[in-house]
C-alpha atoms as a PDB file:
ATOM      1  CA  MET A   1     -40.307  22.060  22.640  1.00  0.00           C
ATOM      2  CA  ASN A   2     -38.699  25.254  21.412  1.00  0.00           C
ATOM      3  CA  ASP A   3     -35.522  25.619  23.451  1.00  0.00           C
ATOM      4  CA  LEU A   4     -34.091  28.395  21.305  1.00  0.00           C
ATOM      5  CA  PRO A   5     -33.675  31.893  22.683  1.00  0.00           C
ATOM      6  CA  PRO A   6     -36.556  34.219  21.821  1.00  0.00           C
ATOM      7  CA  ASP A   7     -34.537  37.303  20.900  1.00  0.00           C
ATOM      8  CA  LEU A   8     -33.090  38.062  17.482  1.00  0.00           C
ATOM      9  CA  PRO A   9     -29.444  38.859  18.505  1.00  0.00           C
ATOM     10  CA  ARG A  10     -28.948  35.493  20.198  1.00  0.00           C
ATOM     11  CA  LEU A  11     -30.664  33.659  17.333  1.00  0.00           C
ATOM     12  CA  ARG A  12     -28.310  35.357  14.847  1.00  0.00           C
ATOM     13  CA  THR A  13     -25.311  34.430  17.020  1.00  0.00           C
ATOM     14  CA  LEU A  14     -26.418  30.798  17.068  1.00  0.00           C
ATOM     15  CA  ARG A  15     -26.964  30.901  13.300  1.00  0.00           C
ATOM     16  CA  THR A  16     -23.439  32.267  12.766  1.00  0.00           C
ATOM     17  CA  TRP A  17     -21.920  29.703  15.109  1.00  0.00           C
ATOM     18  CA  HIS A  18     -23.676  26.801  13.379  1.00  0.00           C
ATOM     19  CA  ALA A  19     -22.789  28.123   9.925  1.00  0.00           C
ATOM     20  CA  MET A  20     -19.137  28.195  11.012  1.00  0.00           C
ATOM     21  CA  TRP A  21     -19.347  24.531  12.069  1.00  0.00           C
ATOM     22  CA  VAL A  22     -21.118  23.523   8.852  1.00  0.00           C
ATOM     23  CA  GLU A  23     -18.310  25.176   6.879  1.00  0.00           C
ATOM     24  CA  ARG A  24     -15.677  23.328   8.926  1.00  0.00           C
ATOM     25  CA  LEU A  25     -17.529  20.050   8.389  1.00  0.00           C
ATOM     26  CA  ASP A  26     -17.764  20.709   4.637  1.00  0.00           C
ATOM     27  CA  LEU A  27     -13.997  21.312   4.467  1.00  0.00           C
ATOM     28  CA  ALA A  28     -13.299  18.129   6.429  1.00  0.00           C
ATOM     29  CA  ILE A  29     -15.627  16.134   4.168  1.00  0.00           C
ATOM     30  CA  ALA A  30     -13.961  17.548   1.043  1.00  0.00           C
ATOM     31  CA  ALA A  31     -10.504  16.649   2.395  1.00  0.00           C
ATOM     32  CA  ALA A  32     -11.620  13.105   3.257  1.00  0.00           C
ATOM     33  CA  GLU A  33     -13.197  12.667  -0.189  1.00  0.00           C
ATOM     34  CA  GLN A  34     -10.006  13.880  -1.873  1.00  0.00           C
ATOM     35  CA  GLN A  35      -7.893  11.482   0.188  1.00  0.00           C
ATOM     36  CA  GLU A  36     -10.160   8.546  -0.690  1.00  0.00           C
ATOM     37  CA  ALA A  37     -10.043   9.476  -4.385  1.00  0.00           C
ATOM     38  CA  GLU A  38      -6.233   9.651  -4.290  1.00  0.00           C
ATOM     39  CA  GLN A  39      -6.029   6.267  -2.579  1.00  0.00           C
ATOM     40  CA  ARG A  40      -8.406   4.768  -5.141  1.00  0.00           C
ATOM     41  CA  ARG A  41      -6.356   6.211  -8.036  1.00  0.00           C
ATOM     42  CA  GLY A  42      -3.180   4.887  -6.411  1.00  0.00           C
ATOM     43  CA  GLN A  43      -4.669   1.388  -6.163  1.00  0.00           C
ATOM     44  CA  GLU A  44      -5.825   1.515  -9.784  1.00  0.00           C
ATOM     45  CA  ARG A  45      -2.426   2.691 -11.045  1.00  0.00           C
ATOM     46  CA  ARG A  46      -0.324   0.343  -8.913  1.00  0.00           C
ATOM     47  CA  PRO A  47       1.743  -1.943 -11.125  1.00  0.00           C
ATOM     48  CA  PRO A  48       0.834  -5.622 -10.953  1.00  0.00           C
ATOM     49  CA  VAL A  49       2.735  -7.853  -8.548  1.00  0.00           C
ATOM     50  CA  PRO A  50       5.458  -9.752 -10.432  1.00  0.00           C
ATOM     51  CA  ASP A  51       5.187 -13.536 -10.557  1.00  0.00           C
ATOM     52  CA  TRP A  52       8.715 -13.956  -9.168  1.00  0.00           C
ATOM     53  CA  MET A  53      10.969 -11.692  -7.134  1.00  0.00           C
ATOM     54  CA  LEU A  54      14.676 -11.636  -6.390  1.00  0.00           C
ATOM     55  CA  GLU A  55      15.712 -10.203  -3.028  1.00  0.00           C
ATOM     56  CA  VAL A  56      19.165  -8.675  -2.961  1.00  0.00           C
ATOM     57  CA  GLY A  57      21.476  -7.974  -0.061  1.00  0.00           C
ATOM     58  CA  ILE A  58      23.287  -4.875   1.084  1.00  0.00           C
ATOM     59  CA  GLY A  59      26.745  -3.888  -0.013  1.00  0.00           C
ATOM     60  CA  ALA A  60      28.962  -3.909  -3.045  1.00  0.00           C
ATOM     61  CA  GLY A  61      27.296  -5.603  -5.965  1.00  0.00           C
ATOM     62  CA  LYS A  62      24.151  -6.324  -3.922  1.00  0.00           C
ATOM     63  CA  PRO A  63      24.399 -10.124  -4.058  1.00  0.00           C
ATOM     64  CA  PRO A  64      21.127 -12.065  -4.448  1.00  0.00           C
ATOM     65  CA  VAL A  65      19.766 -13.363  -1.155  1.00  0.00           C
ATOM     66  CA  ALA A  66      16.530 -15.189  -1.935  1.00  0.00           C
ATOM     67  CA  VAL A  67      13.991 -16.013  -4.619  1.00  0.00           C
ATOM     68  CA  HIS A  68      10.349 -15.352  -3.721  1.00  0.00           C
ATOM     69  CA  VAL A  69       6.972 -16.009  -5.281  1.00  0.00           C
ATOM     70  CA  GLY A  70       5.403 -12.669  -6.235  1.00  0.00           C
ATOM     71  CA  GLY A  71       3.563 -11.111  -3.310  1.00  0.00           C
ATOM     72  CA  CYS A  72       5.414 -13.112  -0.642  1.00  0.00           C
ATOM     73  CA  HIS A  73       4.951 -11.382   2.697  1.00  0.00           C
ATOM     74  CA  MET A  74       8.507 -12.248   3.741  1.00  0.00           C
ATOM     75  CA  SER A  75      10.228 -10.470   0.873  1.00  0.00           C
ATOM     76  CA  GLY A  76      12.180  -7.431   2.027  1.00  0.00           C
ATOM     77  CA  LYS A  77      12.325  -3.953   0.579  1.00  0.00           C
ATOM     78  CA  ARG A  78      15.215  -4.722  -1.747  1.00  0.00           C
ATOM     79  CA  VAL A  79      13.391  -6.864  -4.316  1.00  0.00           C
ATOM     80  CA  ARG A  80      12.882  -6.675  -8.036  1.00  0.00           C
ATOM     81  CA  GLY A  81      10.592  -8.593 -10.337  1.00  0.00           C
ATOM     82  CA  ILE A  82      12.178 -11.317 -12.430  1.00  0.00           C
ATOM     83  CA  SER A  83      10.980 -13.781 -15.042  1.00  0.00           C
ATOM     84  CA  ARG A  84      10.322 -17.452 -14.382  1.00  0.00           C
ATOM     85  CA  GLU A  85      13.540 -18.392 -16.179  1.00  0.00           C
ATOM     86  CA  GLU A  86      15.594 -15.896 -14.173  1.00  0.00           C
ATOM     87  CA  ALA A  87      14.137 -17.334 -10.970  1.00  0.00           C
ATOM     88  CA  ARG A  88      14.986 -20.892 -12.021  1.00  0.00           C
ATOM     89  CA  ARG A  89      18.503 -19.816 -13.017  1.00  0.00           C
ATOM     90  CA  ALA A  90      19.045 -18.047  -9.683  1.00  0.00           C
ATOM     91  CA  LEU A  91      17.991 -21.155  -7.776  1.00  0.00           C
ATOM     92  CA  ALA A  92      20.274 -23.291  -9.937  1.00  0.00           C
ATOM     93  CA  ASP A  93      23.132 -20.863  -9.168  1.00  0.00           C
ATOM     94  CA  GLY A  94      22.688 -21.441  -5.439  1.00  0.00           C
ATOM     95  CA  VAL A  95      20.447 -18.573  -4.389  1.00  0.00           C
ATOM     96  CA  GLN A  96      18.223 -19.693  -1.509  1.00  0.00           C
ATOM     97  CA  ALA A  97      14.493 -20.112  -2.012  1.00  0.00           C
ATOM     98  CA  CYS A  98      12.281 -18.370   0.527  1.00  0.00           C
ATOM     99  CA  THR A  99      11.296 -20.821   3.249  1.00  0.00           C
ATOM    100  CA  HIS A 100       7.826 -19.294   3.531  1.00  0.00           C
ATOM    101  CA  CYS A 101       6.582 -19.091  -0.057  1.00  0.00           C
ATOM    102  CA  ARG A 102       8.705 -22.044  -1.239  1.00  0.00           C
ATOM    103  CA  ALA A 103       9.572 -20.555  -4.619  1.00  0.00           C
ATOM    104  CA  ASP A 104      11.636 -23.654  -5.437  1.00  0.00           C
ATOM    105  CA  THR A 105       8.575 -25.902  -5.085  1.00  0.00           C
ATOM    106  CA  GLU A 106       6.431 -23.509  -7.127  1.00  0.00           C
ATOM    107  CA  LEU A 107       9.051 -23.522  -9.871  1.00  0.00           C
ATOM    108  CA  GLY A 108       9.491 -27.286  -9.762  1.00  0.00           C
ATOM    109  CA  VAL A 109      13.149 -26.940  -8.736  1.00  0.00           C
ATOM    110  CA  LEU A 110      13.815 -28.932  -5.601  1.00  0.00           C
ATOM    111  CA  GLU A 111      17.160 -28.595  -3.858  1.00  0.00           C
END
């Protein structure tokens, strides 16, 4: 039942070794807790998803490429939030509606 060494020097060595591992575990737990807290704060402070987004292209003037419903998974990295009226105006000016989220249908503007 007792598989520990009987002598004091080896018991102290084991105690030191285990204390070292407990300290390492405590540091790892603290780091994981801090990371989770930072992620939670980031989620809480994230701005809301806009209702409509305008995707722009690359190059001089960054011409508009597509209108998306807010949160569309097909929108690229070059998007900005726009109002409902700006989205309708962009579609009326010939900007394509996203073929996945169908912003034109959502806005009631059919091409």
